[in-house]
């Protein structure tokens, strides 16, 4: 019998509606991603937008939301490359 668990998608994926606090609380590895994105934002995201959703953060700091979510999911270990 083969274990098919690797092919299952994660149920608790990072979504654009989640707040920065929700994400760093559940997935501590994402703190490094936010630190890397601080330069693009021109501000400390965790310092200034902790209670805001990723959608709001992307709009406020003119960031690429899909790229940010992608990086966060990779860091959290719940992103599966397609292909």
PDB file of N, CA and C in Angstrom:
ATOM      1  N   UNK A   1       0.837  -1.178   0.000  1.00  0.00           N
ATOM      2  CA  UNK A   1       0.000   0.000   0.000  1.00  0.00           C
ATOM      3  C   UNK A   1       0.885   1.245   0.000  1.00  0.00           C
ATOM      4  N   UNK A   2       0.543   2.211  -0.825  1.00  0.00           N
ATOM      5  CA  UNK A   2       1.334   3.432  -0.960  1.00  0.00           C
ATOM      6  C   UNK A   2       0.719   4.567  -0.161  1.00  0.00           C
ATOM      7  N   UNK A   3       1.567   5.347   0.488  1.00  0.00           N
ATOM      8  CA  UNK A   3       1.092   6.504   1.244  1.00  0.00           C
ATOM      9  C   UNK A   3       0.845   7.651   0.268  1.00  0.00           C
ATOM     10  N   UNK A   4      -0.389   8.075   0.152  1.00  0.00           N
ATOM     11  CA  UNK A   4      -0.755   9.146  -0.775  1.00  0.00           C
ATOM     12  C   UNK A   4      -0.820  10.511  -0.098  1.00  0.00           C
ATOM     13  N   UNK A   5      -0.416  10.614   1.150  1.00  0.00           N
ATOM     14  CA  UNK A   5      -0.554  11.865   1.900  1.00  0.00           C
ATOM     15  C   UNK A   5       0.226  13.010   1.271  1.00  0.00           C
ATOM     16  N   UNK A   6       1.315  12.709   0.547  1.00  0.00           N
ATOM     17  CA  UNK A   6       2.106  13.758  -0.078  1.00  0.00           C
ATOM     18  C   UNK A   6       1.331  14.460  -1.185  1.00  0.00           C
ATOM     19  N   UNK A   7       0.327  13.800  -1.754  1.00  0.00           N
ATOM     20  CA  UNK A   7      -0.450  14.371  -2.840  1.00  0.00           C
ATOM     21  C   UNK A   7      -1.629  15.200  -2.357  1.00  0.00           C
ATOM     22  N   UNK A   8      -1.894  15.208  -1.087  1.00  0.00           N
ATOM     23  CA  UNK A   8      -3.015  15.969  -0.546  1.00  0.00           C
ATOM     24  C   UNK A   8      -2.638  17.435  -0.396  1.00  0.00           C
ATOM     25  N   UNK A   9      -3.598  18.299  -0.640  1.00  0.00           N
ATOM     26  CA  UNK A   9      -3.352  19.726  -0.432  1.00  0.00           C
ATOM     27  C   UNK A   9      -3.597  20.050   1.040  1.00  0.00           C
ATOM     28  N   UNK A  10      -2.923  21.065   1.511  1.00  0.00           N
ATOM     29  CA  UNK A  10      -3.046  21.464   2.910  1.00  0.00           C
ATOM     30  C   UNK A  10      -4.382  22.153   3.130  1.00  0.00           C
ATOM     31  N   UNK A  11      -4.998  21.865   4.264  1.00  0.00           N
ATOM     32  CA  UNK A  11      -6.281  22.476   4.576  1.00  0.00           C
ATOM     33  C   UNK A  11      -6.115  23.840   5.233  1.00  0.00           C
ATOM     34  N   UNK A  12      -4.988  24.088   5.841  1.00  0.00           N
ATOM     35  CA  UNK A  12      -4.785  25.366   6.529  1.00  0.00           C
ATOM     36  C   UNK A  12      -3.774  26.226   5.764  1.00  0.00           C
ATOM     37  N   UNK A  13      -4.048  26.441   4.493  1.00  0.00           N
ATOM     38  CA  UNK A  13      -3.152  27.214   3.645  1.00  0.00           C
ATOM     39  C   UNK A  13      -3.223  28.700   3.992  1.00  0.00           C
ATOM     40  N   UNK A  14      -2.180  29.390   3.682  1.00  0.00           N
ATOM     41  CA  UNK A  14      -2.136  30.836   3.862  1.00  0.00           C
ATOM     42  C   UNK A  14      -2.977  31.470   2.763  1.00  0.00           C
ATOM     43  N   UNK A  15      -3.868  32.350   3.167  1.00  0.00           N
ATOM     44  CA  UNK A  15      -4.789  33.007   2.240  1.00  0.00           C
ATOM     45  C   UNK A  15      -4.640  34.522   2.351  1.00  0.00           C
ATOM     46  N   UNK A  16      -4.951  35.259   1.286  1.00  0.00           N
ATOM     47  CA  UNK A  16      -4.815  36.718   1.287  1.00  0.00           C
ATOM     48  C   UNK A  16      -5.633  37.434   2.367  1.00  0.00           C
ATOM     49  N   UNK A  17      -6.695  36.821   2.849  1.00  0.00           N
ATOM     50  CA  UNK A  17      -7.524  37.439   3.875  1.00  0.00           C
ATOM     51  C   UNK A  17      -6.980  37.292   5.286  1.00  0.00           C
ATOM     52  N   UNK A  18      -5.938  36.489   5.459  1.00  0.00           N
ATOM     53  CA  UNK A  18      -5.351  36.281   6.790  1.00  0.00           C
ATOM     54  C   UNK A  18      -4.525  37.495   7.201  1.00  0.00           C
ATOM     55  N   UNK A  19      -4.489  37.766   8.498  1.00  0.00           N
ATOM     56  CA  UNK A  19      -3.663  38.862   8.985  1.00  0.00           C
ATOM     57  C   UNK A  19      -2.216  38.411   9.130  1.00  0.00           C
ATOM     58  N   UNK A  20      -1.328  39.379   9.169  1.00  0.00           N
ATOM     59  CA  UNK A  20       0.092  39.094   9.381  1.00  0.00           C
ATOM     60  C   UNK A  20       0.258  38.324  10.692  1.00  0.00           C
ATOM     61  N   UNK A  21      -0.442  38.752  11.729  1.00  0.00           N
ATOM     62  CA  UNK A  21      -0.357  38.081  13.030  1.00  0.00           C
ATOM     63  C   UNK A  21      -0.801  36.626  12.937  1.00  0.00           C
ATOM     64  N   UNK A  22      -1.909  36.361  12.247  1.00  0.00           N
ATOM     65  CA  UNK A  22      -2.379  34.974  12.072  1.00  0.00           C
ATOM     66  C   UNK A  22      -1.285  34.112  11.450  1.00  0.00           C
ATOM     67  N   UNK A  23      -0.631  34.660  10.445  1.00  0.00           N
ATOM     68  CA  UNK A  23       0.362  33.899   9.694  1.00  0.00           C
ATOM     69  C   UNK A  23       1.618  33.634  10.518  1.00  0.00           C
ATOM     70  N   UNK A  24       2.183  34.673  11.137  1.00  0.00           N
ATOM     71  CA  UNK A  24       3.414  34.459  11.907  1.00  0.00           C
ATOM     72  C   UNK A  24       3.161  33.639  13.161  1.00  0.00           C
ATOM     73  N   UNK A  25       1.936  33.684  13.681  1.00  0.00           N
ATOM     74  CA  UNK A  25       1.598  32.869  14.857  1.00  0.00           C
ATOM     75  C   UNK A  25       1.562  31.386  14.512  1.00  0.00           C
ATOM     76  N   UNK A  26       0.996  31.073  13.348  1.00  0.00           N
ATOM     77  CA  UNK A  26       0.868  29.670  12.942  1.00  0.00           C
ATOM     78  C   UNK A  26       2.136  29.129  12.295  1.00  0.00           C
ATOM     79  N   UNK A  27       2.845  30.000  11.575  1.00  0.00           N
ATOM     80  CA  UNK A  27       4.003  29.572  10.795  1.00  0.00           C
ATOM     81  C   UNK A  27       5.175  30.505  11.086  1.00  0.00           C
ATOM     82  N   UNK A  28       5.946  30.201  12.102  1.00  0.00           N
ATOM     83  CA  UNK A  28       7.032  31.097  12.532  1.00  0.00           C
ATOM     84  C   UNK A  28       8.084  31.333  11.448  1.00  0.00           C
ATOM     85  N   UNK A  29       8.241  30.384  10.544  1.00  0.00           N
ATOM     86  CA  UNK A  29       9.230  30.547   9.469  1.00  0.00           C
ATOM     87  C   UNK A  29       8.883  31.706   8.538  1.00  0.00           C
ATOM     88  N   UNK A  30       7.637  32.145   8.557  1.00  0.00           N
ATOM     89  CA  UNK A  30       7.230  33.240   7.675  1.00  0.00           C
ATOM     90  C   UNK A  30       7.771  34.594   8.149  1.00  0.00           C
ATOM     91  N   UNK A  31       8.235  34.678   9.371  1.00  0.00           N
ATOM     92  CA  UNK A  31       8.812  35.942   9.861  1.00  0.00           C
ATOM     93  C   UNK A  31       9.972  36.383   8.976  1.00  0.00           C
ATOM     94  N   UNK A  32      10.789  35.428   8.538  1.00  0.00           N
ATOM     95  CA  UNK A  32      11.914  35.750   7.662  1.00  0.00           C
ATOM     96  C   UNK A  32      11.438  36.277   6.308  1.00  0.00           C
ATOM     97  N   UNK A  33      10.330  35.743   5.817  1.00  0.00           N
ATOM     98  CA  UNK A  33       9.774  36.223   4.551  1.00  0.00           C
ATOM     99  C   UNK A  33       9.338  37.674   4.699  1.00  0.00           C
ATOM    100  N   UNK A  34       8.619  37.962   5.777  1.00  0.00           N
ATOM    101  CA  UNK A  34       8.187  39.342   5.992  1.00  0.00           C
ATOM    102  C   UNK A  34       9.393  40.278   6.118  1.00  0.00           C
ATOM    103  N   UNK A  35      10.443  39.829   6.773  1.00  0.00           N
ATOM    104  CA  UNK A  35      11.650  40.657   6.887  1.00  0.00           C
ATOM    105  C   UNK A  35      12.262  40.940   5.523  1.00  0.00           C
ATOM    106  N   UNK A  36      12.257  39.929   4.643  1.00  0.00           N
ATOM    107  CA  UNK A  36      12.785  40.141   3.288  1.00  0.00           C
ATOM    108  C   UNK A  36      11.916  41.111   2.494  1.00  0.00           C
ATOM    109  N   UNK A  37      10.624  41.059   2.704  1.00  0.00           N
ATOM    110  CA  UNK A  37       9.698  41.937   1.988  1.00  0.00           C
ATOM    111  C   UNK A  37       9.669  43.359   2.562  1.00  0.00           C
ATOM    112  N   UNK A  38      10.245  43.565   3.741  1.00  0.00           N
ATOM    113  CA  UNK A  38      10.293  44.910   4.336  1.00  0.00           C
ATOM    114  C   UNK A  38      10.966  45.916   3.407  1.00  0.00           C
ATOM    115  N   UNK A  39      12.022  45.498   2.728  1.00  0.00           N
ATOM    116  CA  UNK A  39      12.745  46.406   1.830  1.00  0.00           C
ATOM    117  C   UNK A  39      11.844  46.882   0.688  1.00  0.00           C
ATOM    118  N   UNK A  40      11.047  45.966   0.151  1.00  0.00           N
ATOM    119  CA  UNK A  40      10.124  46.333  -0.929  1.00  0.00           C
ATOM    120  C   UNK A  40       9.029  47.260  -0.415  1.00  0.00           C
ATOM    121  N   UNK A  41       8.596  47.001   0.818  1.00  0.00           N
ATOM    122  CA  UNK A  41       7.527  47.798   1.408  1.00  0.00           C
ATOM    123  C   UNK A  41       8.036  49.162   1.869  1.00  0.00           C
ATOM    124  N   UNK A  42       9.319  49.234   2.185  1.00  0.00           N
ATOM    125  CA  UNK A  42       9.872  50.472   2.712  1.00  0.00           C
ATOM    126  C   UNK A  42       9.528  50.682   4.172  1.00  0.00           C
ATOM    127  N   UNK A  43       9.099  49.609   4.827  1.00  0.00           N
ATOM    128  CA  UNK A  43       8.709  49.670   6.240  1.00  0.00           C
ATOM    129  C   UNK A  43       8.728  48.256   6.810  1.00  0.00           C
ATOM    130  N   UNK A  44       8.758  48.174   8.113  1.00  0.00           N
ATOM    131  CA  UNK A  44       8.683  46.877   8.790  1.00  0.00           C
ATOM    132  C   UNK A  44       7.221  46.417   8.785  1.00  0.00           C
ATOM    133  N   UNK A  45       6.936  45.398   7.999  1.00  0.00           N
ATOM    134  CA  UNK A  45       5.561  44.912   7.873  1.00  0.00           C
ATOM    135  C   UNK A  45       5.034  44.388   9.203  1.00  0.00           C
ATOM    136  N   UNK A  46       5.836  43.594   9.905  1.00  0.00           N
ATOM    137  CA  UNK A  46       5.390  43.039  11.189  1.00  0.00           C
ATOM    138  C   UNK A  46       5.209  44.124  12.255  1.00  0.00           C
ATOM    139  N   UNK A  47       5.951  45.202  12.131  1.00  0.00           N
ATOM    140  CA  UNK A  47       5.840  46.307  13.094  1.00  0.00           C
ATOM    141  C   UNK A  47       4.617  47.176  12.816  1.00  0.00           C
ATOM    142  N   UNK A  48       4.360  47.437  11.541  1.00  0.00           N
ATOM    143  CA  UNK A  48       3.358  48.429  11.163  1.00  0.00           C
ATOM    144  C   UNK A  48       2.040  47.870  10.652  1.00  0.00           C
ATOM    145  N   UNK A  49       2.000  46.583  10.348  1.00  0.00           N
ATOM    146  CA  UNK A  49       0.791  46.020   9.743  1.00  0.00           C
ATOM    147  C   UNK A  49       0.419  44.668  10.344  1.00  0.00           C
ATOM    148  N   UNK A  50       0.759  44.448  11.580  1.00  0.00           N
ATOM    149  CA  UNK A  50       0.557  43.155  12.225  1.00  0.00           C
ATOM    150  C   UNK A  50      -0.898  42.692  12.203  1.00  0.00           C
ATOM    151  N   UNK A  51      -1.821  43.632  12.315  1.00  0.00           N
ATOM    152  CA  UNK A  51      -3.242  43.279  12.405  1.00  0.00           C
ATOM    153  C   UNK A  51      -3.977  43.453  11.083  1.00  0.00           C
ATOM    154  N   UNK A  52      -3.231  43.679  10.014  1.00  0.00           N
ATOM    155  CA  UNK A  52      -3.838  43.868   8.701  1.00  0.00           C
ATOM    156  C   UNK A  52      -3.742  42.589   7.875  1.00  0.00           C
ATOM    157  N   UNK A  53      -4.685  42.431   6.961  1.00  0.00           N
ATOM    158  CA  UNK A  53      -4.665  41.257   6.079  1.00  0.00           C
ATOM    159  C   UNK A  53      -3.571  41.424   5.033  1.00  0.00           C
ATOM    160  N   UNK A  54      -3.183  40.309   4.419  1.00  0.00           N
ATOM    161  CA  UNK A  54      -2.196  40.371   3.356  1.00  0.00           C
ATOM    162  C   UNK A  54      -2.689  41.242   2.210  1.00  0.00           C
ATOM    163  N   UNK A  55      -3.972  41.183   1.926  1.00  0.00           N
ATOM    164  CA  UNK A  55      -4.549  42.027   0.872  1.00  0.00           C
ATOM    165  C   UNK A  55      -4.323  43.500   1.171  1.00  0.00           C
ATOM    166  N   UNK A  56      -4.577  43.888   2.407  1.00  0.00           N
ATOM    167  CA  UNK A  56      -4.406  45.275   2.817  1.00  0.00           C
ATOM    168  C   UNK A  56      -2.940  45.675   2.784  1.00  0.00           C
ATOM    169  N   UNK A  57      -2.082  44.785   3.248  1.00  0.00           N
ATOM    170  CA  UNK A  57      -0.634  45.047   3.244  1.00  0.00           C
ATOM    171  C   UNK A  57      -0.146  45.264   1.818  1.00  0.00           C
ATOM    172  N   UNK A  58      -0.567  44.395   0.904  1.00  0.00           N
ATOM    173  CA  UNK A  58      -0.138  44.506  -0.488  1.00  0.00           C
ATOM    174  C   UNK A  58      -0.600  45.831  -1.103  1.00  0.00           C
ATOM    175  N   UNK A  59      -1.821  46.199  -0.804  1.00  0.00           N
ATOM    176  CA  UNK A  59      -2.353  47.454  -1.340  1.00  0.00           C
ATOM    177  C   UNK A  59      -1.654  48.661  -0.720  1.00  0.00           C
ATOM    178  N   UNK A  60      -1.490  48.625   0.589  1.00  0.00           N
ATOM    179  CA  UNK A  60      -0.891  49.747   1.326  1.00  0.00           C
ATOM    180  C   UNK A  60       0.546  50.019   0.888  1.00  0.00           C
ATOM    181  N   UNK A  61       1.312  48.943   0.658  1.00  0.00           N
ATOM    182  CA  UNK A  61       2.736  49.076   0.337  1.00  0.00           C
ATOM    183  C   UNK A  61       3.052  48.809  -1.140  1.00  0.00           C
ATOM    184  N   UNK A  62       1.991  48.688  -1.958  1.00  0.00           N
ATOM    185  CA  UNK A  62       2.151  48.460  -3.393  1.00  0.00           C
ATOM    186  C   UNK A  62       3.009  47.222  -3.685  1.00  0.00           C
ATOM    187  N   UNK A  63       2.630  46.102  -3.071  1.00  0.00           N
ATOM    188  CA  UNK A  63       3.352  44.840  -3.220  1.00  0.00           C
ATOM    189  C   UNK A  63       2.576  43.877  -4.110  1.00  0.00           C
ATOM    190  N   UNK A  64       3.270  42.939  -4.696  1.00  0.00           N
ATOM    191  CA  UNK A  64       2.656  41.892  -5.510  1.00  0.00           C
ATOM    192  C   UNK A  64       2.072  40.840  -4.562  1.00  0.00           C
ATOM    193  N   UNK A  65       0.760  40.857  -4.407  1.00  0.00           N
ATOM    194  CA  UNK A  65       0.085  39.969  -3.452  1.00  0.00           C
ATOM    195  C   UNK A  65       0.339  38.497  -3.761  1.00  0.00           C
ATOM    196  N   UNK A  66       0.224  38.105  -5.012  1.00  0.00           N
ATOM    197  CA  UNK A  66       0.409  36.686  -5.339  1.00  0.00           C
ATOM    198  C   UNK A  66       1.835  36.228  -5.061  1.00  0.00           C
ATOM    199  N   UNK A  67       2.822  37.070  -5.331  1.00  0.00           N
ATOM    200  CA  UNK A  67       4.218  36.712  -5.050  1.00  0.00           C
ATOM    201  C   UNK A  67       4.461  36.615  -3.541  1.00  0.00           C
ATOM    202  N   UNK A  68       3.874  37.523  -2.779  1.00  0.00           N
ATOM    203  CA  UNK A  68       4.009  37.495  -1.323  1.00  0.00           C
ATOM    204  C   UNK A  68       3.393  36.223  -0.756  1.00  0.00           C
ATOM    205  N   UNK A  69       2.183  35.909  -1.178  1.00  0.00           N
ATOM    206  CA  UNK A  69       1.508  34.691  -0.708  1.00  0.00           C
ATOM    207  C   UNK A  69       2.330  33.457  -1.089  1.00  0.00           C
ATOM    208  N   UNK A  70       2.853  33.434  -2.302  1.00  0.00           N
ATOM    209  CA  UNK A  70       3.691  32.320  -2.759  1.00  0.00           C
ATOM    210  C   UNK A  70       4.889  32.132  -1.837  1.00  0.00           C
ATOM    211  N   UNK A  71       5.597  33.222  -1.541  1.00  0.00           N
ATOM    212  CA  UNK A  71       6.780  33.145  -0.668  1.00  0.00           C
ATOM    213  C   UNK A  71       6.405  32.677   0.735  1.00  0.00           C
ATOM    214  N   UNK A  72       5.294  33.166   1.240  1.00  0.00           N
ATOM    215  CA  UNK A  72       4.849  32.774   2.587  1.00  0.00           C
ATOM    216  C   UNK A  72       4.473  31.293   2.627  1.00  0.00           C
ATOM    217  N   UNK A  73       3.777  30.834   1.599  1.00  0.00           N
ATOM    218  CA  UNK A  73       3.389  29.418   1.552  1.00  0.00           C
ATOM    219  C   UNK A  73       4.608  28.513   1.459  1.00  0.00           C
ATOM    220  N   UNK A  74       5.592  28.910   0.679  1.00  0.00           N
ATOM    221  CA  UNK A  74       6.821  28.120   0.591  1.00  0.00           C
ATOM    222  C   UNK A  74       7.507  28.032   1.944  1.00  0.00           C
ATOM    223  N   UNK A  75       7.590  29.144   2.643  1.00  0.00           N
ATOM    224  CA  UNK A  75       8.239  29.171   3.957  1.00  0.00           C
ATOM    225  C   UNK A  75       7.467  28.341   4.972  1.00  0.00           C
ATOM    226  N   UNK A  76       6.157  28.360   4.868  1.00  0.00           N
ATOM    227  CA  UNK A  76       5.309  27.616   5.804  1.00  0.00           C
ATOM    228  C   UNK A  76       5.282  26.131   5.479  1.00  0.00           C
ATOM    229  N   UNK A  77       5.755  25.778   4.299  1.00  0.00           N
ATOM    230  CA  UNK A  77       5.775  24.378   3.914  1.00  0.00           C
ATOM    231  C   UNK A  77       4.453  23.872   3.401  1.00  0.00           C
ATOM    232  N   UNK A  78       3.562  24.781   2.999  1.00  0.00           N
ATOM    233  CA  UNK A  78       2.267  24.327   2.494  1.00  0.00           C
ATOM    234  C   UNK A  78       2.028  24.817   1.082  1.00  0.00           C
ATOM    235  N   UNK A  79       3.094  24.858   0.311  1.00  0.00           N
ATOM    236  CA  UNK A  79       2.970  25.232  -1.094  1.00  0.00           C
ATOM    237  C   UNK A  79       3.482  24.087  -1.934  1.00  0.00           C
ATOM    238  N   UNK A  80       2.728  23.706  -2.906  1.00  0.00           N
ATOM    239  CA  UNK A  80       3.132  22.618  -3.782  1.00  0.00           C
ATOM    240  C   UNK A  80       3.349  23.176  -5.181  1.00  0.00           C
ATOM    241  N   UNK A  81       4.551  23.035  -5.701  1.00  0.00           N
ATOM    242  CA  UNK A  81       4.852  23.493  -7.057  1.00  0.00           C
ATOM    243  C   UNK A  81       4.009  22.684  -8.025  1.00  0.00           C
ATOM    244  N   UNK A  82       3.442  23.334  -9.003  1.00  0.00           N
ATOM    245  CA  UNK A  82       2.675  22.608 -10.003  1.00  0.00           C
ATOM    246  C   UNK A  82       3.613  22.126 -11.102  1.00  0.00           C
ATOM    247  N   UNK A  83       3.252  21.011 -11.712  1.00  0.00           N
ATOM    248  CA  UNK A  83       4.061  20.528 -12.808  1.00  0.00           C
ATOM    249  C   UNK A  83       4.644  19.193 -12.638  1.00  0.00           C
TER     250      UNK A  83
END
